[in-house]
PDB file of N, CA and C in Angstrom:
ATOM      1  N   UNK A   1       0.896  -1.110   0.006  1.00  0.00           N
ATOM      2  CA  UNK A   1      -0.253   0.148  -0.076  1.00  0.00           C
ATOM      3  C   UNK A   1       0.815   1.293   0.013  1.00  0.00           C
ATOM      4  N   UNK A   2       0.820   2.208  -0.853  1.00  0.00           N
ATOM      5  CA  UNK A   2       1.357   3.490  -0.928  1.00  0.00           C
ATOM      6  C   UNK A   2       0.973   4.408   0.114  1.00  0.00           C
ATOM      7  N   UNK A   3       2.167   5.167   0.574  1.00  0.00           N
ATOM      8  CA  UNK A   3       1.656   6.241   1.418  1.00  0.00           C
ATOM      9  C   UNK A   3       1.310   7.462   0.951  1.00  0.00           C
ATOM     10  N   UNK A   4       0.590   8.140   1.525  1.00  0.00           N
ATOM     11  CA  UNK A   4       0.336   9.231   0.968  1.00  0.00           C
ATOM     12  C   UNK A   4       1.329  10.461   0.953  1.00  0.00           C
ATOM     13  N   UNK A   5       1.772  11.364  -0.134  1.00  0.00           N
ATOM     14  CA  UNK A   5       2.822  12.482  -0.161  1.00  0.00           C
ATOM     15  C   UNK A   5       2.252  13.482   0.243  1.00  0.00           C
ATOM     16  N   UNK A   6       3.047  14.237   1.184  1.00  0.00           N
ATOM     17  CA  UNK A   6       2.555  15.518   1.571  1.00  0.00           C
ATOM     18  C   UNK A   6       2.943  16.403   0.646  1.00  0.00           C
ATOM     19  N   UNK A   7       2.036  17.492   0.336  1.00  0.00           N
ATOM     20  CA  UNK A   7       2.356  18.437  -0.571  1.00  0.00           C
ATOM     21  C   UNK A   7       2.451  19.939   0.065  1.00  0.00           C
ATOM     22  N   UNK A   8       3.602  20.758   0.066  1.00  0.00           N
ATOM     23  CA  UNK A   8       3.853  21.936   0.491  1.00  0.00           C
ATOM     24  C   UNK A   8       3.350  23.038  -0.502  1.00  0.00           C
ATOM     25  N   UNK A   9       2.315  23.574  -0.226  1.00  0.00           N
ATOM     26  CA  UNK A   9       1.772  24.811  -1.238  1.00  0.00           C
ATOM     27  C   UNK A   9       2.614  25.771  -1.565  1.00  0.00           C
ATOM     28  N   UNK A  10       3.356  26.286  -0.371  1.00  0.00           N
ATOM     29  CA  UNK A  10       4.364  27.135  -0.541  1.00  0.00           C
ATOM     30  C   UNK A  10       5.283  26.942  -1.625  1.00  0.00           C
ATOM     31  N   UNK A  11       5.704  25.744  -2.023  1.00  0.00           N
ATOM     32  CA  UNK A  11       6.815  25.270  -3.054  1.00  0.00           C
ATOM     33  C   UNK A  11       6.300  25.587  -4.379  1.00  0.00           C
ATOM     34  N   UNK A  12       4.900  25.897  -4.684  1.00  0.00           N
ATOM     35  CA  UNK A  12       4.424  25.809  -6.114  1.00  0.00           C
ATOM     36  C   UNK A  12       4.663  27.230  -6.300  1.00  0.00           C
ATOM     37  N   UNK A  13       5.122  27.163  -7.799  1.00  0.00           N
ATOM     38  CA  UNK A  13       5.452  28.691  -8.571  1.00  0.00           C
ATOM     39  C   UNK A  13       4.581  29.552  -8.475  1.00  0.00           C
ATOM     40  N   UNK A  14       3.334  29.238  -8.522  1.00  0.00           N
ATOM     41  CA  UNK A  14       2.212  30.211  -8.590  1.00  0.00           C
ATOM     42  C   UNK A  14       1.786  30.840  -7.264  1.00  0.00           C
ATOM     43  N   UNK A  15       2.015  30.296  -5.906  1.00  0.00           N
ATOM     44  CA  UNK A  15       1.889  30.611  -4.929  1.00  0.00           C
ATOM     45  C   UNK A  15       2.657  31.498  -4.193  1.00  0.00           C
ATOM     46  N   UNK A  16       2.156  32.748  -4.176  1.00  0.00           N
ATOM     47  CA  UNK A  16       3.325  33.975  -3.704  1.00  0.00           C
ATOM     48  C   UNK A  16       3.511  33.613  -2.120  1.00  0.00           C
ATOM     49  N   UNK A  17       4.737  34.382  -1.816  1.00  0.00           N
ATOM     50  CA  UNK A  17       5.217  34.312  -0.437  1.00  0.00           C
ATOM     51  C   UNK A  17       4.204  34.844   0.770  1.00  0.00           C
ATOM     52  N   UNK A  18       3.931  34.288   1.684  1.00  0.00           N
ATOM     53  CA  UNK A  18       3.353  34.570   2.724  1.00  0.00           C
ATOM     54  C   UNK A  18       4.036  34.646   4.027  1.00  0.00           C
ATOM     55  N   UNK A  19       3.656  35.849   4.957  1.00  0.00           N
ATOM     56  CA  UNK A  19       4.212  35.523   6.273  1.00  0.00           C
ATOM     57  C   UNK A  19       3.405  36.491   7.032  1.00  0.00           C
ATOM     58  N   UNK A  20       3.472  36.145   8.458  1.00  0.00           N
ATOM     59  CA  UNK A  20       2.813  36.730   9.557  1.00  0.00           C
ATOM     60  C   UNK A  20       3.299  37.881  10.186  1.00  0.00           C
ATOM     61  N   UNK A  21       2.628  39.196  10.110  1.00  0.00           N
ATOM     62  CA  UNK A  21       3.313  40.266  10.804  1.00  0.00           C
ATOM     63  C   UNK A  21       3.216  40.219  12.142  1.00  0.00           C
ATOM     64  N   UNK A  22       4.685  40.906  12.817  1.00  0.00           N
ATOM     65  CA  UNK A  22       4.624  40.992  13.949  1.00  0.00           C
ATOM     66  C   UNK A  22       3.597  42.057  14.529  1.00  0.00           C
ATOM     67  N   UNK A  23       3.462  42.013  15.764  1.00  0.00           N
ATOM     68  CA  UNK A  23       2.660  43.272  16.607  1.00  0.00           C
ATOM     69  C   UNK A  23       2.927  44.530  16.256  1.00  0.00           C
ATOM     70  N   UNK A  24       4.369  44.757  16.219  1.00  0.00           N
ATOM     71  CA  UNK A  24       4.997  46.115  16.022  1.00  0.00           C
ATOM     72  C   UNK A  24       4.926  46.217  14.317  1.00  0.00           C
ATOM     73  N   UNK A  25       4.860  45.413  13.501  1.00  0.00           N
ATOM     74  CA  UNK A  25       4.630  45.553  11.909  1.00  0.00           C
ATOM     75  C   UNK A  25       3.282  45.944  11.754  1.00  0.00           C
ATOM     76  N   UNK A  26       2.272  45.383  12.513  1.00  0.00           N
ATOM     77  CA  UNK A  26       0.910  45.409  12.492  1.00  0.00           C
ATOM     78  C   UNK A  26       0.482  47.002  12.735  1.00  0.00           C
ATOM     79  N   UNK A  27       1.107  47.296  13.935  1.00  0.00           N
ATOM     80  CA  UNK A  27       0.853  48.939  14.277  1.00  0.00           C
ATOM     81  C   UNK A  27       1.544  49.868  13.499  1.00  0.00           C
ATOM     82  N   UNK A  28       2.785  49.388  12.792  1.00  0.00           N
ATOM     83  CA  UNK A  28       3.201  50.445  11.756  1.00  0.00           C
ATOM     84  C   UNK A  28       2.599  50.311  10.484  1.00  0.00           C
ATOM     85  N   UNK A  29       2.039  49.305  10.060  1.00  0.00           N
ATOM     86  CA  UNK A  29       1.139  49.065   8.912  1.00  0.00           C
ATOM     87  C   UNK A  29      -0.198  50.060   8.854  1.00  0.00           C
ATOM     88  N   UNK A  30      -0.869  49.850  10.231  1.00  0.00           N
ATOM     89  CA  UNK A  30      -2.035  50.472  10.358  1.00  0.00           C
ATOM     90  C   UNK A  30      -1.780  52.117  10.446  1.00  0.00           C
ATOM     91  N   UNK A  31      -0.761  52.314  10.916  1.00  0.00           N
ATOM     92  CA  UNK A  31      -0.368  54.037  11.048  1.00  0.00           C
ATOM     93  C   UNK A  31       0.112  54.395   9.933  1.00  0.00           C
ATOM     94  N   UNK A  32       0.809  53.644   9.035  1.00  0.00           N
ATOM     95  CA  UNK A  32       1.199  54.128   7.742  1.00  0.00           C
ATOM     96  C   UNK A  32       0.239  54.356   6.645  1.00  0.00           C
ATOM     97  N   UNK A  33      -0.866  53.729   6.830  1.00  0.00           N
ATOM     98  CA  UNK A  33      -1.894  53.691   5.693  1.00  0.00           C
ATOM     99  C   UNK A  33      -3.105  54.416   6.320  1.00  0.00           C
ATOM    100  N   UNK A  34      -2.955  54.913   7.721  1.00  0.00           N
ATOM    101  CA  UNK A  34      -4.112  55.479   8.273  1.00  0.00           C
ATOM    102  C   UNK A  34      -5.315  54.687   8.296  1.00  0.00           C
ATOM    103  N   UNK A  35      -5.483  53.346   8.495  1.00  0.00           N
ATOM    104  CA  UNK A  35      -6.441  52.727   8.513  1.00  0.00           C
ATOM    105  C   UNK A  35      -6.765  52.099   9.843  1.00  0.00           C
ATOM    106  N   UNK A  36      -8.119  51.428   9.971  1.00  0.00           N
ATOM    107  CA  UNK A  36      -8.197  50.558  11.225  1.00  0.00           C
ATOM    108  C   UNK A  36      -7.975  48.921  10.760  1.00  0.00           C
ATOM    109  N   UNK A  37      -8.081  48.324  11.443  1.00  0.00           N
ATOM    110  CA  UNK A  37      -7.655  46.886  10.909  1.00  0.00           C
ATOM    111  C   UNK A  37      -8.766  46.116  10.391  1.00  0.00           C
ATOM    112  N   UNK A  38     -10.232  46.850  10.788  1.00  0.00           N
ATOM    113  CA  UNK A  38     -11.172  46.294  10.268  1.00  0.00           C
ATOM    114  C   UNK A  38     -11.393  46.672   8.645  1.00  0.00           C
ATOM    115  N   UNK A  39     -10.392  47.602   8.225  1.00  0.00           N
ATOM    116  CA  UNK A  39     -10.731  48.117   6.814  1.00  0.00           C
ATOM    117  C   UNK A  39      -9.737  47.172   5.873  1.00  0.00           C
ATOM    118  N   UNK A  40      -9.122  46.172   6.476  1.00  0.00           N
ATOM    119  CA  UNK A  40      -8.140  45.262   5.612  1.00  0.00           C
ATOM    120  C   UNK A  40      -8.987  44.325   5.143  1.00  0.00           C
ATOM    121  N   UNK A  41      -8.559  43.892   3.689  1.00  0.00           N
ATOM    122  CA  UNK A  41      -9.283  42.876   3.098  1.00  0.00           C
ATOM    123  C   UNK A  41      -9.162  41.617   3.903  1.00  0.00           C
ATOM    124  N   UNK A  42     -10.031  40.667   4.006  1.00  0.00           N
ATOM    125  CA  UNK A  42      -9.989  39.480   5.014  1.00  0.00           C
ATOM    126  C   UNK A  42      -9.677  38.237   4.139  1.00  0.00           C
ATOM    127  N   UNK A  43      -8.929  37.171   5.154  1.00  0.00           N
ATOM    128  CA  UNK A  43      -8.732  36.098   4.668  1.00  0.00           C
ATOM    129  C   UNK A  43      -9.351  34.909   5.538  1.00  0.00           C
ATOM    130  N   UNK A  44      -9.920  34.037   5.178  1.00  0.00           N
ATOM    131  CA  UNK A  44     -10.613  33.011   6.130  1.00  0.00           C
ATOM    132  C   UNK A  44      -9.437  32.218   6.822  1.00  0.00           C
ATOM    133  N   UNK A  45      -9.917  31.965   8.193  1.00  0.00           N
ATOM    134  CA  UNK A  45      -8.754  31.004   8.784  1.00  0.00           C
ATOM    135  C   UNK A  45      -8.696  29.492   8.360  1.00  0.00           C
ATOM    136  N   UNK A  46      -9.552  29.307   7.350  1.00  0.00           N
ATOM    137  CA  UNK A  46      -9.475  27.626   7.031  1.00  0.00           C
ATOM    138  C   UNK A  46      -8.643  27.885   5.326  1.00  0.00           C
ATOM    139  N   UNK A  47      -8.153  28.925   5.290  1.00  0.00           N
ATOM    140  CA  UNK A  47      -7.541  28.994   3.621  1.00  0.00           C
ATOM    141  C   UNK A  47      -6.296  28.162   3.972  1.00  0.00           C
ATOM    142  N   UNK A  48      -5.845  27.391   2.847  1.00  0.00           N
ATOM    143  CA  UNK A  48      -4.788  26.650   3.042  1.00  0.00           C
ATOM    144  C   UNK A  48      -3.473  27.168   3.454  1.00  0.00           C
ATOM    145  N   UNK A  49      -3.342  28.392   3.040  1.00  0.00           N
ATOM    146  CA  UNK A  49      -1.976  29.185   3.530  1.00  0.00           C
ATOM    147  C   UNK A  49      -2.107  29.744   4.727  1.00  0.00           C
ATOM    148  N   UNK A  50      -3.312  30.148   5.321  1.00  0.00           N
ATOM    149  CA  UNK A  50      -3.305  30.342   6.685  1.00  0.00           C
ATOM    150  C   UNK A  50      -3.105  29.074   7.409  1.00  0.00           C
ATOM    151  N   UNK A  51      -3.663  27.965   7.107  1.00  0.00           N
ATOM    152  CA  UNK A  51      -3.419  26.900   7.997  1.00  0.00           C
ATOM    153  C   UNK A  51      -1.994  26.414   8.089  1.00  0.00           C
ATOM    154  N   UNK A  52      -1.281  26.514   7.098  1.00  0.00           N
ATOM    155  CA  UNK A  52       0.041  25.944   6.875  1.00  0.00           C
ATOM    156  C   UNK A  52       0.950  26.932   7.465  1.00  0.00           C
ATOM    157  N   UNK A  53       0.576  28.114   7.619  1.00  0.00           N
ATOM    158  CA  UNK A  53       1.367  29.002   8.520  1.00  0.00           C
ATOM    159  C   UNK A  53       1.314  29.233  10.113  1.00  0.00           C
ATOM    160  N   UNK A  54      -0.056  28.643  10.344  1.00  0.00           N
ATOM    161  CA  UNK A  54      -0.198  28.602  11.741  1.00  0.00           C
ATOM    162  C   UNK A  54      -0.964  29.824  12.409  1.00  0.00           C
ATOM    163  N   UNK A  55      -1.284  30.643  11.219  1.00  0.00           N
ATOM    164  CA  UNK A  55      -1.866  32.013  11.715  1.00  0.00           C
ATOM    165  C   UNK A  55      -3.298  31.982  12.344  1.00  0.00           C
ATOM    166  N   UNK A  56      -3.773  32.810  13.176  1.00  0.00           N
ATOM    167  CA  UNK A  56      -4.923  32.648  14.001  1.00  0.00           C
ATOM    168  C   UNK A  56      -5.756  33.849  13.504  1.00  0.00           C
ATOM    169  N   UNK A  57      -6.929  34.006  13.837  1.00  0.00           N
ATOM    170  CA  UNK A  57      -7.895  35.338  13.938  1.00  0.00           C
ATOM    171  C   UNK A  57      -7.336  36.268  14.397  1.00  0.00           C
ATOM    172  N   UNK A  58      -7.051  37.453  13.775  1.00  0.00           N
ATOM    173  CA  UNK A  58      -6.559  38.633  14.316  1.00  0.00           C
ATOM    174  C   UNK A  58      -4.952  38.862  13.847  1.00  0.00           C
ATOM    175  N   UNK A  59      -4.609  37.779  13.195  1.00  0.00           N
ATOM    176  CA  UNK A  59      -3.212  38.030  12.582  1.00  0.00           C
ATOM    177  C   UNK A  59      -3.547  38.647  11.252  1.00  0.00           C
ATOM    178  N   UNK A  60      -2.499  39.443  10.806  1.00  0.00           N
ATOM    179  CA  UNK A  60      -2.433  40.033   9.541  1.00  0.00           C
ATOM    180  C   UNK A  60      -1.185  39.309   8.661  1.00  0.00           C
ATOM    181  N   UNK A  61      -1.581  38.808   7.331  1.00  0.00           N
ATOM    182  CA  UNK A  61      -0.603  38.405   6.427  1.00  0.00           C
ATOM    183  C   UNK A  61      -0.131  39.388   5.418  1.00  0.00           C
ATOM    184  N   UNK A  62       1.351  39.120   5.265  1.00  0.00           N
ATOM    185  CA  UNK A  62       1.823  39.775   4.135  1.00  0.00           C
ATOM    186  C   UNK A  62       1.872  39.158   2.976  1.00  0.00           C
ATOM    187  N   UNK A  63       1.340  39.296   2.008  1.00  0.00           N
ATOM    188  CA  UNK A  63       1.533  38.399   0.733  1.00  0.00           C
ATOM    189  C   UNK A  63       2.471  39.452  -0.253  1.00  0.00           C
ATOM    190  N   UNK A  64       3.463  38.502  -0.625  1.00  0.00           N
ATOM    191  CA  UNK A  64       4.439  39.504  -1.556  1.00  0.00           C
ATOM    192  C   UNK A  64       4.431  38.563  -2.766  1.00  0.00           C
ATOM    193  N   UNK A  65       3.970  39.417  -3.953  1.00  0.00           N
ATOM    194  CA  UNK A  65       3.461  38.978  -5.322  1.00  0.00           C
ATOM    195  C   UNK A  65       4.494  39.616  -6.165  1.00  0.00           C
ATOM    196  N   UNK A  66       4.737  38.702  -7.077  1.00  0.00           N
ATOM    197  CA  UNK A  66       5.571  39.319  -8.361  1.00  0.00           C
ATOM    198  C   UNK A  66       4.987  39.962  -9.390  1.00  0.00           C
ATOM    199  N   UNK A  67       5.323  41.269  -9.741  1.00  0.00           N
ATOM    200  CA  UNK A  67       4.440  41.971 -10.871  1.00  0.00           C
ATOM    201  C   UNK A  67       5.733  42.320 -12.146  1.00  0.00           C
ATOM    202  N   UNK A  68       5.020  42.079 -13.166  1.00  0.00           N
ATOM    203  CA  UNK A  68       5.946  42.271 -14.301  1.00  0.00           C
ATOM    204  C   UNK A  68       6.156  43.873 -14.710  1.00  0.00           C
ATOM    205  N   UNK A  69       5.589  44.744 -13.801  1.00  0.00           N
ATOM    206  CA  UNK A  69       5.972  46.310 -14.087  1.00  0.00           C
ATOM    207  C   UNK A  69       6.593  46.950 -12.703  1.00  0.00           C
ATOM    208  N   UNK A  70       5.875  46.213 -11.536  1.00  0.00           N
ATOM    209  CA  UNK A  70       6.676  46.899 -10.493  1.00  0.00           C
ATOM    210  C   UNK A  70       7.738  46.120  -9.779  1.00  0.00           C
ATOM    211  N   UNK A  71       7.984  44.887 -10.148  1.00  0.00           N
ATOM    212  CA  UNK A  71       9.108  43.939  -9.530  1.00  0.00           C
ATOM    213  C   UNK A  71       8.145  43.013  -8.485  1.00  0.00           C
ATOM    214  N   UNK A  72       8.110  43.585  -7.339  1.00  0.00           N
ATOM    215  CA  UNK A  72       7.136  42.883  -6.456  1.00  0.00           C
ATOM    216  C   UNK A  72       6.517  43.906  -5.519  1.00  0.00           C
ATOM    217  N   UNK A  73       5.514  43.832  -5.176  1.00  0.00           N
ATOM    218  CA  UNK A  73       4.534  44.477  -4.272  1.00  0.00           C
ATOM    219  C   UNK A  73       3.937  43.443  -3.178  1.00  0.00           C
ATOM    220  N   UNK A  74       3.401  44.408  -2.181  1.00  0.00           N
ATOM    221  CA  UNK A  74       3.173  43.667  -0.892  1.00  0.00           C
ATOM    222  C   UNK A  74       1.628  44.012  -0.767  1.00  0.00           C
ATOM    223  N   UNK A  75       0.802  42.717  -0.376  1.00  0.00           N
ATOM    224  CA  UNK A  75      -0.586  43.145  -0.037  1.00  0.00           C
ATOM    225  C   UNK A  75      -0.774  42.597   1.331  1.00  0.00           C
ATOM    226  N   UNK A  76      -2.040  42.762   1.930  1.00  0.00           N
ATOM    227  CA  UNK A  76      -2.123  42.517   3.313  1.00  0.00           C
ATOM    228  C   UNK A  76      -3.549  41.799   3.410  1.00  0.00           C
ATOM    229  N   UNK A  77      -3.792  40.830   4.310  1.00  0.00           N
ATOM    230  CA  UNK A  77      -4.858  40.276   4.618  1.00  0.00           C
ATOM    231  C   UNK A  77      -5.117  39.756   5.974  1.00  0.00           C
ATOM    232  N   UNK A  78      -6.352  40.403   6.644  1.00  0.00           N
ATOM    233  CA  UNK A  78      -6.706  40.096   8.040  1.00  0.00           C
ATOM    234  C   UNK A  78      -7.179  38.735   8.106  1.00  0.00           C
ATOM    235  N   UNK A  79      -6.683  37.873   8.976  1.00  0.00           N
ATOM    236  CA  UNK A  79      -7.201  36.531   9.278  1.00  0.00           C
ATOM    237  C   UNK A  79      -8.523  36.611  10.078  1.00  0.00           C
ATOM    238  N   UNK A  80      -9.414  36.091   9.572  1.00  0.00           N
ATOM    239  CA  UNK A  80     -10.859  36.112  10.100  1.00  0.00           C
ATOM    240  C   UNK A  80     -11.292  34.684  10.444  1.00  0.00           C
ATOM    241  N   UNK A  81     -12.291  34.452  11.444  1.00  0.00           N
ATOM    242  CA  UNK A  81     -12.775  33.033  11.630  1.00  0.00           C
ATOM    243  C   UNK A  81     -13.613  32.872  10.326  1.00  0.00           C
ATOM    244  N   UNK A  82     -14.060  31.621  10.313  1.00  0.00           N
ATOM    245  CA  UNK A  82     -14.907  31.276   8.981  1.00  0.00           C
ATOM    246  C   UNK A  82     -16.139  31.527   9.205  1.00  0.00           C
TER     247      UNK A  82
END
């Protein structure tokens, strides 16, 4: 009987780099853009990337995407309950 292989979604070329912001980085992000945490786009706690990182509701993920014109850019998502 064959064993099931584990698949790491972060190794796929189409999945951008994800990381959890520290508390200091969260405060700086909100101050820099003059927004409240509730104004951030949301990502569900059940999303495979969130689960793989071990992020919890209330955490902010920074997602680094490649752009043909800008090189790289960052966008942010607030982890929320399902």
